[in-house]
């Protein structure tokens, strides 16, 4: 059985589940809003196992063959303090609550740790990476990266760059919320250095030089293999800074792209150092014929690479998960055969 962590609105997951159904692979999906309850944990010299309920259906860790972390997280399954602390003095309440929080976090970390010991596609909890660390690793493996500064002093930005054309974006994830029926969000925003003096000052902001591109490249990395797509976004006013500012009326042209071996090596080395075995990378191919690393998203979308470039990534993922399941089934059969031989002979068979 495959255990899958995802979000309930992720279409990529739904498409993948169809492939798993076709291959006859059993699976269970956990969403952040799923009802998750831990029943017991057993640790002894012979086994480590735990059982749990997902939406009132019972499962055992020992029955899980592999893990696919797509998105989301393990739901909260900690204590409900109001059930047994409501009659305590406030200081006692806070003290017990703090202690129980540590107990819960210890148990939660153990459950996540055990899930991550399974054969897996990415690790549970890898949904967000630190963009700054990723830039540093990319630089270390030999990628060009945009000239970057993070500061709250705009004078330092003016001193740092020669060029006037810059971009700014979030260091964590893009700003987005909905209020009174209006959606507020931003992605990558072009900005001129000469105009910064007119901008309102705020906390540390992230700036990079605007890279002069020929086209963008979206790469989906999967267990050492790279599937690349060239995106000709530079001639469209909406997408020339970031192809994710989609123009649905005039879509960008997308075609399969063959990466040079040197770039593939850098990508594989980067993903290994970043501790990722699956993810979507954004790279710019510049007018100087350089490959400039922008960022990696472990839970990025890849359906467009399948539809536009015919890479059949969903099928590859289903095939790998089936391999993991078959490997556990073969191991159990071998263990059963060994036990049977020992039982029949009354002695270990060497």
C-alpha atoms as a PDB file:
ATOM      1  CA  UNK A   1       0.000   0.000   0.000  1.00  0.00           C
ATOM      2  CA  UNK A   2       1.109   3.558  -0.801  1.00  0.00           C
ATOM      3  CA  UNK A   3       0.550   6.352   1.705  1.00  0.00           C
ATOM      4  CA  UNK A   4       0.100   9.711  -0.004  1.00  0.00           C
ATOM      5  CA  UNK A   5       0.146  13.165   1.550  1.00  0.00           C
ATOM      6  CA  UNK A   6      -1.486  15.882  -0.515  1.00  0.00           C
ATOM      7  CA  UNK A   7      -4.019  18.717  -0.596  1.00  0.00           C
ATOM      8  CA  UNK A   8      -7.684  18.179  -1.400  1.00  0.00           C
ATOM      9  CA  UNK A   9      -7.663  20.678  -4.295  1.00  0.00           C
ATOM     10  CA  UNK A  10      -4.563  19.350  -6.068  1.00  0.00           C
ATOM     11  CA  UNK A  11      -5.544  18.151  -9.542  1.00  0.00           C
ATOM     12  CA  UNK A  12      -2.117  16.565 -10.087  1.00  0.00           C
ATOM     13  CA  UNK A  13      -2.868  14.162  -7.237  1.00  0.00           C
ATOM     14  CA  UNK A  14      -6.251  13.192  -8.657  1.00  0.00           C
ATOM     15  CA  UNK A  15      -4.695  12.419 -12.039  1.00  0.00           C
ATOM     16  CA  UNK A  16      -2.018  10.301 -10.374  1.00  0.00           C
ATOM     17  CA  UNK A  17      -4.621   8.350  -8.409  1.00  0.00           C
ATOM     18  CA  UNK A  18      -6.242   7.348 -11.691  1.00  0.00           C
ATOM     19  CA  UNK A  19      -2.912   5.874 -12.810  1.00  0.00           C
ATOM     20  CA  UNK A  20      -2.586   3.989  -9.522  1.00  0.00           C
ATOM     21  CA  UNK A  21      -6.098   2.603  -9.989  1.00  0.00           C
ATOM     22  CA  UNK A  22      -5.185   1.402 -13.496  1.00  0.00           C
ATOM     23  CA  UNK A  23      -2.158  -0.456 -12.101  1.00  0.00           C
ATOM     24  CA  UNK A  24      -4.170  -1.967  -9.249  1.00  0.00           C
ATOM     25  CA  UNK A  25      -2.117  -0.239  -6.537  1.00  0.00           C
ATOM     26  CA  UNK A  26      -3.716   0.168  -3.126  1.00  0.00           C
ATOM     27  CA  UNK A  27      -3.285   3.579  -1.550  1.00  0.00           C
ATOM     28  CA  UNK A  28      -4.530   5.869   1.174  1.00  0.00           C
ATOM     29  CA  UNK A  29      -4.460   9.663   0.868  1.00  0.00           C
ATOM     30  CA  UNK A  30      -4.038  11.979   3.841  1.00  0.00           C
ATOM     31  CA  UNK A  31      -5.053  15.627   3.490  1.00  0.00           C
ATOM     32  CA  UNK A  32      -4.418  18.367   6.086  1.00  0.00           C
ATOM     33  CA  UNK A  33      -8.129  18.289   6.950  1.00  0.00           C
ATOM     34  CA  UNK A  34      -8.286  14.492   7.218  1.00  0.00           C
ATOM     35  CA  UNK A  35      -9.304  13.047  10.573  1.00  0.00           C
ATOM     36  CA  UNK A  36      -6.103  11.366  11.801  1.00  0.00           C
ATOM     37  CA  UNK A  37      -5.949   9.508  15.117  1.00  0.00           C
ATOM     38  CA  UNK A  38      -2.996   7.580  16.522  1.00  0.00           C
ATOM     39  CA  UNK A  39      -4.063   4.320  18.178  1.00  0.00           C
ATOM     40  CA  UNK A  40      -0.788   2.877  19.489  1.00  0.00           C
ATOM     41  CA  UNK A  41       2.983   2.763  19.003  1.00  0.00           C
ATOM     42  CA  UNK A  42       4.940  -0.439  19.666  1.00  0.00           C
ATOM     43  CA  UNK A  43       8.740  -0.433  20.039  1.00  0.00           C
ATOM     44  CA  UNK A  44      10.607  -3.603  21.035  1.00  0.00           C
ATOM     45  CA  UNK A  45      13.507  -5.765  19.904  1.00  0.00           C
ATOM     46  CA  UNK A  46      11.393  -7.536  17.330  1.00  0.00           C
ATOM     47  CA  UNK A  47       9.440  -4.699  15.760  1.00  0.00           C
ATOM     48  CA  UNK A  48       8.583  -1.050  15.543  1.00  0.00           C
ATOM     49  CA  UNK A  49       5.026  -0.445  14.456  1.00  0.00           C
ATOM     50  CA  UNK A  50       2.133   1.903  14.996  1.00  0.00           C
ATOM     51  CA  UNK A  51      -1.524   1.880  14.059  1.00  0.00           C
ATOM     52  CA  UNK A  52      -3.727   4.829  13.202  1.00  0.00           C
ATOM     53  CA  UNK A  53      -7.123   5.859  11.928  1.00  0.00           C
ATOM     54  CA  UNK A  54      -7.654   7.939   8.805  1.00  0.00           C
ATOM     55  CA  UNK A  55     -11.231   9.144   8.580  1.00  0.00           C
ATOM     56  CA  UNK A  56     -12.188   6.284  10.955  1.00  0.00           C
ATOM     57  CA  UNK A  57     -10.519   3.540   8.907  1.00  0.00           C
ATOM     58  CA  UNK A  58      -7.666   1.660  10.612  1.00  0.00           C
ATOM     59  CA  UNK A  59      -4.186   1.176   9.122  1.00  0.00           C
ATOM     60  CA  UNK A  60      -0.835  -0.128  10.374  1.00  0.00           C
ATOM     61  CA  UNK A  61       2.558   1.287   9.499  1.00  0.00           C
ATOM     62  CA  UNK A  62       3.801  -2.256   8.803  1.00  0.00           C
ATOM     63  CA  UNK A  63       1.264  -2.523   5.961  1.00  0.00           C
ATOM     64  CA  UNK A  64       2.606   0.581   4.190  1.00  0.00           C
ATOM     65  CA  UNK A  65       5.077  -0.139   1.382  1.00  0.00           C
ATOM     66  CA  UNK A  66       6.110   3.379   0.362  1.00  0.00           C
ATOM     67  CA  UNK A  67       5.363   7.064   0.657  1.00  0.00           C
ATOM     68  CA  UNK A  68       4.622   9.779  -1.873  1.00  0.00           C
ATOM     69  CA  UNK A  69       4.778  13.254  -0.407  1.00  0.00           C
ATOM     70  CA  UNK A  70       2.945  15.447  -2.870  1.00  0.00           C
ATOM     71  CA  UNK A  71       1.782  18.342  -0.668  1.00  0.00           C
ATOM     72  CA  UNK A  72       0.162  19.088   2.674  1.00  0.00           C
ATOM     73  CA  UNK A  73       1.153  17.798   6.082  1.00  0.00           C
ATOM     74  CA  UNK A  74       0.332  15.264   8.773  1.00  0.00           C
ATOM     75  CA  UNK A  75      -2.905  16.453  10.443  1.00  0.00           C
ATOM     76  CA  UNK A  76      -2.903  17.493  14.079  1.00  0.00           C
ATOM     77  CA  UNK A  77      -3.663  14.598  16.410  1.00  0.00           C
ATOM     78  CA  UNK A  78      -2.680  16.131  19.732  1.00  0.00           C
ATOM     79  CA  UNK A  79      -4.635  16.401  22.976  1.00  0.00           C
ATOM     80  CA  UNK A  80      -7.837  18.429  23.287  1.00  0.00           C
ATOM     81  CA  UNK A  81      -7.042  20.330  26.447  1.00  0.00           C
ATOM     82  CA  UNK A  82     -10.568  21.473  27.171  1.00  0.00           C
ATOM     83  CA  UNK A  83     -11.554  17.840  27.716  1.00  0.00           C
ATOM     84  CA  UNK A  84      -9.661  17.512  30.979  1.00  0.00           C
ATOM     85  CA  UNK A  85      -8.048  20.818  32.003  1.00  0.00           C
ATOM     86  CA  UNK A  86     -10.994  23.194  32.205  1.00  0.00           C
ATOM     87  CA  UNK A  87     -11.300  22.936  36.005  1.00  0.00           C
ATOM     88  CA  UNK A  88      -7.623  23.621  36.773  1.00  0.00           C
ATOM     89  CA  UNK A  89      -6.086  26.889  37.971  1.00  0.00           C
ATOM     90  CA  UNK A  90      -4.769  28.908  34.992  1.00  0.00           C
ATOM     91  CA  UNK A  91      -1.099  28.443  35.982  1.00  0.00           C
ATOM     92  CA  UNK A  92      -1.535  24.703  36.377  1.00  0.00           C
ATOM     93  CA  UNK A  93      -3.478  24.636  33.094  1.00  0.00           C
ATOM     94  CA  UNK A  94      -0.638  26.406  31.262  1.00  0.00           C
ATOM     95  CA  UNK A  95       2.011  24.180  32.826  1.00  0.00           C
ATOM     96  CA  UNK A  96       0.239  20.952  31.900  1.00  0.00           C
ATOM     97  CA  UNK A  97      -0.569  22.287  28.435  1.00  0.00           C
ATOM     98  CA  UNK A  98       3.097  23.123  27.821  1.00  0.00           C
ATOM     99  CA  UNK A  99       4.197  19.672  28.972  1.00  0.00           C
ATOM    100  CA  UNK A 100       1.597  17.925  26.836  1.00  0.00           C
ATOM    101  CA  UNK A 101       2.652  19.993  23.828  1.00  0.00           C
ATOM    102  CA  UNK A 102       6.181  18.625  24.177  1.00  0.00           C
ATOM    103  CA  UNK A 103       4.808  15.113  24.523  1.00  0.00           C
ATOM    104  CA  UNK A 104       2.744  15.572  21.385  1.00  0.00           C
ATOM    105  CA  UNK A 105       5.625  17.064  19.374  1.00  0.00           C
ATOM    106  CA  UNK A 106       7.876  14.168  20.392  1.00  0.00           C
ATOM    107  CA  UNK A 107       5.291  11.670  19.206  1.00  0.00           C
ATOM    108  CA  UNK A 108       4.555  13.626  16.012  1.00  0.00           C
ATOM    109  CA  UNK A 109       8.250  13.843  15.081  1.00  0.00           C
ATOM    110  CA  UNK A 110       8.594  10.094  15.616  1.00  0.00           C
ATOM    111  CA  UNK A 111       5.625   9.325  13.336  1.00  0.00           C
ATOM    112  CA  UNK A 112       7.007  11.609  10.616  1.00  0.00           C
ATOM    113  CA  UNK A 113      10.471  10.075  11.079  1.00  0.00           C
ATOM    114  CA  UNK A 114       9.087   6.551  10.604  1.00  0.00           C
ATOM    115  CA  UNK A 115       7.054   7.521   7.535  1.00  0.00           C
ATOM    116  CA  UNK A 116      10.232   8.992   6.046  1.00  0.00           C
ATOM    117  CA  UNK A 117      12.121   5.704   6.514  1.00  0.00           C
ATOM    118  CA  UNK A 118       9.895   4.181   3.824  1.00  0.00           C
ATOM    119  CA  UNK A 119      10.964   4.076   0.171  1.00  0.00           C
ATOM    120  CA  UNK A 120       9.653   7.443  -0.929  1.00  0.00           C
ATOM    121  CA  UNK A 121       9.199  10.187  -3.457  1.00  0.00           C
ATOM    122  CA  UNK A 122      10.245  13.207  -1.419  1.00  0.00           C
ATOM    123  CA  UNK A 123       9.978  13.321   2.355  1.00  0.00           C
ATOM    124  CA  UNK A 124       7.002  14.200   4.490  1.00  0.00           C
ATOM    125  CA  UNK A 125       7.429  17.838   5.459  1.00  0.00           C
ATOM    126  CA  UNK A 126       9.469  18.910   2.432  1.00  0.00           C
ATOM    127  CA  UNK A 127       6.756  21.105   0.964  1.00  0.00           C
ATOM    128  CA  UNK A 128       8.630  24.335   1.547  1.00  0.00           C
ATOM    129  CA  UNK A 129      12.345  24.928   1.067  1.00  0.00           C
ATOM    130  CA  UNK A 130      14.394  27.967   2.019  1.00  0.00           C
ATOM    131  CA  UNK A 131      14.964  29.919  -1.211  1.00  0.00           C
ATOM    132  CA  UNK A 132      18.119  31.508   0.143  1.00  0.00           C
ATOM    133  CA  UNK A 133      19.671  28.154   1.015  1.00  0.00           C
ATOM    134  CA  UNK A 134      18.684  26.815  -2.414  1.00  0.00           C
ATOM    135  CA  UNK A 135      20.418  29.766  -4.106  1.00  0.00           C
ATOM    136  CA  UNK A 136      23.532  29.086  -2.049  1.00  0.00           C
ATOM    137  CA  UNK A 137      23.552  25.377  -2.972  1.00  0.00           C
ATOM    138  CA  UNK A 138      22.985  26.218  -6.648  1.00  0.00           C
ATOM    139  CA  UNK A 139      25.957  28.542  -6.545  1.00  0.00           C
ATOM    140  CA  UNK A 140      28.089  25.873  -4.864  1.00  0.00           C
ATOM    141  CA  UNK A 141      27.368  23.277  -7.571  1.00  0.00           C
ATOM    142  CA  UNK A 142      28.343  25.678 -10.341  1.00  0.00           C
ATOM    143  CA  UNK A 143      25.100  27.337 -11.441  1.00  0.00           C
ATOM    144  CA  UNK A 144      24.942  31.009 -12.251  1.00  0.00           C
ATOM    145  CA  UNK A 145      22.451  32.756  -9.946  1.00  0.00           C
ATOM    146  CA  UNK A 146      20.999  36.275 -10.142  1.00  0.00           C
ATOM    147  CA  UNK A 147      22.843  38.950  -8.200  1.00  0.00           C
ATOM    148  CA  UNK A 148      20.841  39.124  -4.983  1.00  0.00           C
ATOM    149  CA  UNK A 149      20.566  41.467  -2.010  1.00  0.00           C
ATOM    150  CA  UNK A 150      18.254  41.388   1.010  1.00  0.00           C
ATOM    151  CA  UNK A 151      18.032  44.618   2.950  1.00  0.00           C
ATOM    152  CA  UNK A 152      15.696  47.203   4.446  1.00  0.00           C
ATOM    153  CA  UNK A 153      18.009  50.045   3.393  1.00  0.00           C
ATOM    154  CA  UNK A 154      17.210  51.051  -0.192  1.00  0.00           C
ATOM    155  CA  UNK A 155      20.444  53.056  -0.395  1.00  0.00           C
ATOM    156  CA  UNK A 156      22.332  49.774  -0.163  1.00  0.00           C
ATOM    157  CA  UNK A 157      20.330  48.479  -3.126  1.00  0.00           C
ATOM    158  CA  UNK A 158      21.361  51.508  -5.167  1.00  0.00           C
ATOM    159  CA  UNK A 159      25.014  50.980  -4.219  1.00  0.00           C
ATOM    160  CA  UNK A 160      24.929  47.228  -4.979  1.00  0.00           C
ATOM    161  CA  UNK A 161      23.602  47.299  -8.535  1.00  0.00           C
ATOM    162  CA  UNK A 162      24.847  49.007 -11.686  1.00  0.00           C
ATOM    163  CA  UNK A 163      21.735  48.096 -13.657  1.00  0.00           C
ATOM    164  CA  UNK A 164      18.503  49.970 -13.081  1.00  0.00           C
ATOM    165  CA  UNK A 165      16.234  47.009 -13.848  1.00  0.00           C
ATOM    166  CA  UNK A 166      15.570  44.784 -10.828  1.00  0.00           C
ATOM    167  CA  UNK A 167      12.936  42.368  -9.621  1.00  0.00           C
ATOM    168  CA  UNK A 168      11.566  41.728  -6.149  1.00  0.00           C
ATOM    169  CA  UNK A 169       9.693  38.703  -4.820  1.00  0.00           C
ATOM    170  CA  UNK A 170       8.955  36.884  -1.592  1.00  0.00           C
ATOM    171  CA  UNK A 171      11.695  34.928   0.151  1.00  0.00           C
ATOM    172  CA  UNK A 172       9.181  32.387   1.466  1.00  0.00           C
ATOM    173  CA  UNK A 173       6.068  32.010  -0.657  1.00  0.00           C
ATOM    174  CA  UNK A 174       4.078  34.464  -2.709  1.00  0.00           C
ATOM    175  CA  UNK A 175       1.859  36.881  -0.809  1.00  0.00           C
ATOM    176  CA  UNK A 176      -1.815  35.915  -1.224  1.00  0.00           C
ATOM    177  CA  UNK A 177      -5.064  36.366   0.664  1.00  0.00           C
ATOM    178  CA  UNK A 178      -8.727  37.105  -0.019  1.00  0.00           C
ATOM    179  CA  UNK A 179     -10.646  39.891   1.685  1.00  0.00           C
ATOM    180  CA  UNK A 180     -14.249  40.974   0.989  1.00  0.00           C
ATOM    181  CA  UNK A 181     -14.320  39.168  -2.329  1.00  0.00           C
ATOM    182  CA  UNK A 182     -11.024  40.619  -3.571  1.00  0.00           C
ATOM    183  CA  UNK A 183      -7.860  38.574  -4.081  1.00  0.00           C
ATOM    184  CA  UNK A 184      -4.539  40.167  -3.103  1.00  0.00           C
ATOM    185  CA  UNK A 185      -1.362  38.562  -4.340  1.00  0.00           C
ATOM    186  CA  UNK A 186       1.982  39.105  -6.021  1.00  0.00           C
ATOM    187  CA  UNK A 187       4.615  37.000  -7.706  1.00  0.00           C
ATOM    188  CA  UNK A 188       7.765  38.356  -9.302  1.00  0.00           C
ATOM    189  CA  UNK A 189       7.517  42.139  -9.650  1.00  0.00           C
ATOM    190  CA  UNK A 190       9.786  44.286 -11.866  1.00  0.00           C
ATOM    191  CA  UNK A 191      11.073  47.435 -10.197  1.00  0.00           C
ATOM    192  CA  UNK A 192      13.561  50.161 -11.115  1.00  0.00           C
ATOM    193  CA  UNK A 193      16.385  50.997  -8.762  1.00  0.00           C
ATOM    194  CA  UNK A 194      15.931  54.697  -9.536  1.00  0.00           C
ATOM    195  CA  UNK A 195      12.328  54.550  -8.285  1.00  0.00           C
ATOM    196  CA  UNK A 196      13.082  52.970  -4.911  1.00  0.00           C
ATOM    197  CA  UNK A 197      13.349  56.305  -3.139  1.00  0.00           C
ATOM    198  CA  UNK A 198       9.622  56.781  -3.796  1.00  0.00           C
ATOM    199  CA  UNK A 199       8.688  53.402  -2.313  1.00  0.00           C
ATOM    200  CA  UNK A 200       7.487  52.995   1.263  1.00  0.00           C
ATOM    201  CA  UNK A 201      10.140  51.502   3.521  1.00  0.00           C
ATOM    202  CA  UNK A 202       9.407  48.158   5.123  1.00  0.00           C
ATOM    203  CA  UNK A 203      11.260  45.200   6.612  1.00  0.00           C
ATOM    204  CA  UNK A 204      14.035  43.359   4.719  1.00  0.00           C
ATOM    205  CA  UNK A 205      13.114  42.922   1.073  1.00  0.00           C
ATOM    206  CA  UNK A 206      14.506  40.551  -1.540  1.00  0.00           C
ATOM    207  CA  UNK A 207      15.984  42.065  -4.723  1.00  0.00           C
ATOM    208  CA  UNK A 208      17.674  40.528  -7.761  1.00  0.00           C
ATOM    209  CA  UNK A 209      18.952  41.917 -11.014  1.00  0.00           C
ATOM    210  CA  UNK A 210      16.517  41.333 -13.863  1.00  0.00           C
ATOM    211  CA  UNK A 211      18.094  38.607 -16.000  1.00  0.00           C
ATOM    212  CA  UNK A 212      17.987  39.246 -19.755  1.00  0.00           C
ATOM    213  CA  UNK A 213      16.520  35.980 -21.028  1.00  0.00           C
ATOM    214  CA  UNK A 214      16.005  34.243 -24.329  1.00  0.00           C
ATOM    215  CA  UNK A 215      13.521  31.847 -22.749  1.00  0.00           C
ATOM    216  CA  UNK A 216      12.675  30.098 -19.482  1.00  0.00           C
ATOM    217  CA  UNK A 217      13.120  26.427 -18.727  1.00  0.00           C
ATOM    218  CA  UNK A 218      10.935  24.389 -16.390  1.00  0.00           C
ATOM    219  CA  UNK A 219      12.668  21.168 -15.344  1.00  0.00           C
ATOM    220  CA  UNK A 220      10.936  18.355 -13.520  1.00  0.00           C
ATOM    221  CA  UNK A 221      13.490  16.223 -11.675  1.00  0.00           C
ATOM    222  CA  UNK A 222      12.445  12.718 -10.696  1.00  0.00           C
ATOM    223  CA  UNK A 223      14.826  10.228  -9.078  1.00  0.00           C
ATOM    224  CA  UNK A 224      17.869  11.280 -11.115  1.00  0.00           C
ATOM    225  CA  UNK A 225      16.011  11.936 -14.377  1.00  0.00           C
ATOM    226  CA  UNK A 226      15.298  15.410 -15.747  1.00  0.00           C
ATOM    227  CA  UNK A 227      12.411  16.412 -18.007  1.00  0.00           C
ATOM    228  CA  UNK A 228      12.826  19.901 -19.446  1.00  0.00           C
ATOM    229  CA  UNK A 229      10.460  22.261 -21.229  1.00  0.00           C
ATOM    230  CA  UNK A 230      11.425  25.540 -22.923  1.00  0.00           C
ATOM    231  CA  UNK A 231       8.911  28.347 -22.333  1.00  0.00           C
ATOM    232  CA  UNK A 232       8.996  31.231 -24.802  1.00  0.00           C
ATOM    233  CA  UNK A 233       7.624  33.868 -22.461  1.00  0.00           C
ATOM    234  CA  UNK A 234       9.840  36.850 -23.267  1.00  0.00           C
ATOM    235  CA  UNK A 235       7.720  38.368 -26.059  1.00  0.00           C
ATOM    236  CA  UNK A 236       4.538  38.623 -24.019  1.00  0.00           C
ATOM    237  CA  UNK A 237       4.165  41.652 -21.743  1.00  0.00           C
ATOM    238  CA  UNK A 238       2.291  39.622 -19.135  1.00  0.00           C
ATOM    239  CA  UNK A 239       4.817  36.779 -18.959  1.00  0.00           C
ATOM    240  CA  UNK A 240       8.151  38.310 -19.901  1.00  0.00           C
ATOM    241  CA  UNK A 241       9.211  38.711 -16.261  1.00  0.00           C
ATOM    242  CA  UNK A 242       7.647  35.461 -14.986  1.00  0.00           C
ATOM    243  CA  UNK A 243       5.835  32.893 -17.128  1.00  0.00           C
ATOM    244  CA  UNK A 244       3.561  32.133 -14.170  1.00  0.00           C
ATOM    245  CA  UNK A 245       1.737  35.408 -14.874  1.00  0.00           C
ATOM    246  CA  UNK A 246      -0.259  33.326 -17.339  1.00  0.00           C
ATOM    247  CA  UNK A 247      -1.812  34.858 -20.413  1.00  0.00           C
ATOM    248  CA  UNK A 248      -4.740  32.543 -21.066  1.00  0.00           C
ATOM    249  CA  UNK A 249      -5.741  34.416 -24.232  1.00  0.00           C
ATOM    250  CA  UNK A 250      -2.280  34.184 -25.797  1.00  0.00           C
ATOM    251  CA  UNK A 251      -0.507  31.213 -24.180  1.00  0.00           C
ATOM    252  CA  UNK A 252       3.272  30.903 -24.345  1.00  0.00           C
ATOM    253  CA  UNK A 253       4.766  28.386 -26.721  1.00  0.00           C
ATOM    254  CA  UNK A 254       6.120  25.362 -24.806  1.00  0.00           C
ATOM    255  CA  UNK A 255       8.334  22.673 -26.334  1.00  0.00           C
ATOM    256  CA  UNK A 256      10.518  19.785 -25.069  1.00  0.00           C
ATOM    257  CA  UNK A 257      14.092  20.851 -24.429  1.00  0.00           C
ATOM    258  CA  UNK A 258      17.295  18.795 -24.343  1.00  0.00           C
ATOM    259  CA  UNK A 259      19.512  19.917 -21.489  1.00  0.00           C
ATOM    260  CA  UNK A 260      23.288  19.812 -21.969  1.00  0.00           C
ATOM    261  CA  UNK A 261      24.956  17.021 -19.984  1.00  0.00           C
ATOM    262  CA  UNK A 262      26.806  19.587 -17.884  1.00  0.00           C
ATOM    263  CA  UNK A 263      23.544  21.223 -16.822  1.00  0.00           C
ATOM    264  CA  UNK A 264      21.964  17.834 -16.057  1.00  0.00           C
ATOM    265  CA  UNK A 265      24.945  17.007 -13.850  1.00  0.00           C
ATOM    266  CA  UNK A 266      24.545  20.303 -11.974  1.00  0.00           C
ATOM    267  CA  UNK A 267      20.823  19.674 -11.476  1.00  0.00           C
ATOM    268  CA  UNK A 268      21.411  16.160 -10.136  1.00  0.00           C
ATOM    269  CA  UNK A 269      24.214  17.365  -7.850  1.00  0.00           C
ATOM    270  CA  UNK A 270      22.043  20.254  -6.656  1.00  0.00           C
ATOM    271  CA  UNK A 271      19.056  18.009  -5.860  1.00  0.00           C
ATOM    272  CA  UNK A 272      21.298  15.573  -4.001  1.00  0.00           C
ATOM    273  CA  UNK A 273      22.801  18.349  -1.860  1.00  0.00           C
ATOM    274  CA  UNK A 274      19.354  19.835  -1.257  1.00  0.00           C
ATOM    275  CA  UNK A 275      18.060  16.447  -0.062  1.00  0.00           C
ATOM    276  CA  UNK A 276      15.354  16.269  -2.727  1.00  0.00           C
ATOM    277  CA  UNK A 277      14.610  13.425  -5.137  1.00  0.00           C
ATOM    278  CA  UNK A 278      11.669  15.117  -6.850  1.00  0.00           C
ATOM    279  CA  UNK A 279      10.849  18.720  -7.715  1.00  0.00           C
ATOM    280  CA  UNK A 280      10.362  21.445 -10.301  1.00  0.00           C
ATOM    281  CA  UNK A 281      13.234  23.803 -11.107  1.00  0.00           C
ATOM    282  CA  UNK A 282      13.016  27.166 -12.849  1.00  0.00           C
ATOM    283  CA  UNK A 283      16.021  28.134 -14.964  1.00  0.00           C
ATOM    284  CA  UNK A 284      16.628  31.016 -17.367  1.00  0.00           C
ATOM    285  CA  UNK A 285      18.590  30.655 -20.599  1.00  0.00           C
ATOM    286  CA  UNK A 286      20.121  34.064 -21.203  1.00  0.00           C
ATOM    287  CA  UNK A 287      21.132  35.971 -24.317  1.00  0.00           C
ATOM    288  CA  UNK A 288      24.724  35.221 -23.263  1.00  0.00           C
ATOM    289  CA  UNK A 289      23.905  31.485 -23.531  1.00  0.00           C
ATOM    290  CA  UNK A 290      24.137  30.968 -19.780  1.00  0.00           C
ATOM    291  CA  UNK A 291      21.889  28.807 -17.602  1.00  0.00           C
ATOM    292  CA  UNK A 292      20.800  30.839 -14.550  1.00  0.00           C
ATOM    293  CA  UNK A 293      19.157  29.022 -11.628  1.00  0.00           C
ATOM    294  CA  UNK A 294      16.136  30.779 -10.107  1.00  0.00           C
ATOM    295  CA  UNK A 295      14.491  28.395  -7.634  1.00  0.00           C
ATOM    296  CA  UNK A 296      13.223  24.885  -6.933  1.00  0.00           C
ATOM    297  CA  UNK A 297       9.798  23.816  -5.728  1.00  0.00           C
ATOM    298  CA  UNK A 298       9.622  20.259  -4.308  1.00  0.00           C
ATOM    299  CA  UNK A 299       5.843  20.242  -4.785  1.00  0.00           C
ATOM    300  CA  UNK A 300       5.663  22.152  -8.071  1.00  0.00           C
ATOM    301  CA  UNK A 301       3.289  21.233 -10.871  1.00  0.00           C
ATOM    302  CA  UNK A 302       4.374  19.001 -13.752  1.00  0.00           C
ATOM    303  CA  UNK A 303       1.114  18.255 -15.568  1.00  0.00           C
ATOM    304  CA  UNK A 304       1.926  20.902 -18.176  1.00  0.00           C
ATOM    305  CA  UNK A 305       5.134  19.011 -19.062  1.00  0.00           C
ATOM    306  CA  UNK A 306       3.047  15.911 -19.658  1.00  0.00           C
ATOM    307  CA  UNK A 307       0.418  17.641 -21.789  1.00  0.00           C
ATOM    308  CA  UNK A 308       2.771  19.896 -23.760  1.00  0.00           C
ATOM    309  CA  UNK A 309       5.833  17.652 -24.063  1.00  0.00           C
ATOM    310  CA  UNK A 310       4.363  14.144 -23.849  1.00  0.00           C
ATOM    311  CA  UNK A 311       6.705  13.080 -21.025  1.00  0.00           C
ATOM    312  CA  UNK A 312       4.137  10.767 -19.326  1.00  0.00           C
ATOM    313  CA  UNK A 313       5.399  11.710 -15.883  1.00  0.00           C
ATOM    314  CA  UNK A 314       2.256  10.451 -14.147  1.00  0.00           C
ATOM    315  CA  UNK A 315       2.887   6.996 -15.577  1.00  0.00           C
ATOM    316  CA  UNK A 316       6.524   7.049 -14.427  1.00  0.00           C
ATOM    317  CA  UNK A 317       5.497   7.917 -10.878  1.00  0.00           C
ATOM    318  CA  UNK A 318       2.880   5.160 -10.807  1.00  0.00           C
ATOM    319  CA  UNK A 319       5.450   2.690 -12.122  1.00  0.00           C
ATOM    320  CA  UNK A 320       7.971   3.630  -9.409  1.00  0.00           C
ATOM    321  CA  UNK A 321       5.377   3.355  -6.629  1.00  0.00           C
ATOM    322  CA  UNK A 322       4.387  -0.086  -7.924  1.00  0.00           C
ATOM    323  CA  UNK A 323       8.061  -1.122  -7.868  1.00  0.00           C
ATOM    324  CA  UNK A 324       8.260  -0.074  -4.222  1.00  0.00           C
ATOM    325  CA  UNK A 325       5.103  -2.064  -3.407  1.00  0.00           C
ATOM    326  CA  UNK A 326       6.301  -5.156  -5.281  1.00  0.00           C
ATOM    327  CA  UNK A 327       9.688  -5.001  -3.531  1.00  0.00           C
ATOM    328  CA  UNK A 328       8.017  -5.093  -0.101  1.00  0.00           C
ATOM    329  CA  UNK A 329       5.750  -7.944  -1.222  1.00  0.00           C
ATOM    330  CA  UNK A 330       8.792  -9.946  -2.427  1.00  0.00           C
ATOM    331  CA  UNK A 331      10.595  -9.291   0.848  1.00  0.00           C
ATOM    332  CA  UNK A 332       7.618 -10.568   2.864  1.00  0.00           C
ATOM    333  CA  UNK A 333       7.404 -13.689   0.682  1.00  0.00           C
ATOM    334  CA  UNK A 334      11.103 -14.379   1.249  1.00  0.00           C
ATOM    335  CA  UNK A 335      10.704 -13.929   5.008  1.00  0.00           C
ATOM    336  CA  UNK A 336       7.704 -16.250   5.018  1.00  0.00           C
ATOM    337  CA  UNK A 337       9.586 -18.923   3.033  1.00  0.00           C
ATOM    338  CA  UNK A 338      12.546 -18.740   5.432  1.00  0.00           C
ATOM    339  CA  UNK A 339      10.243 -19.055   8.444  1.00  0.00           C
ATOM    340  CA  UNK A 340       8.465 -22.016   6.839  1.00  0.00           C
ATOM    341  CA  UNK A 341      11.745 -23.835   6.174  1.00  0.00           C
ATOM    342  CA  UNK A 342      12.898 -23.289   9.749  1.00  0.00           C
ATOM    343  CA  UNK A 343       9.547 -24.573  11.057  1.00  0.00           C
ATOM    344  CA  UNK A 344       9.668 -27.749   8.921  1.00  0.00           C
ATOM    345  CA  UNK A 345      13.260 -28.664   9.672  1.00  0.00           C
ATOM    346  CA  UNK A 346      13.314 -27.493  13.247  1.00  0.00           C
ATOM    347  CA  UNK A 347      16.584 -25.726  12.540  1.00  0.00           C
ATOM    348  CA  UNK A 348      17.869 -22.669  10.676  1.00  0.00           C
ATOM    349  CA  UNK A 349      18.612 -23.201   7.010  1.00  0.00           C
ATOM    350  CA  UNK A 350      21.909 -21.522   6.121  1.00  0.00           C
END
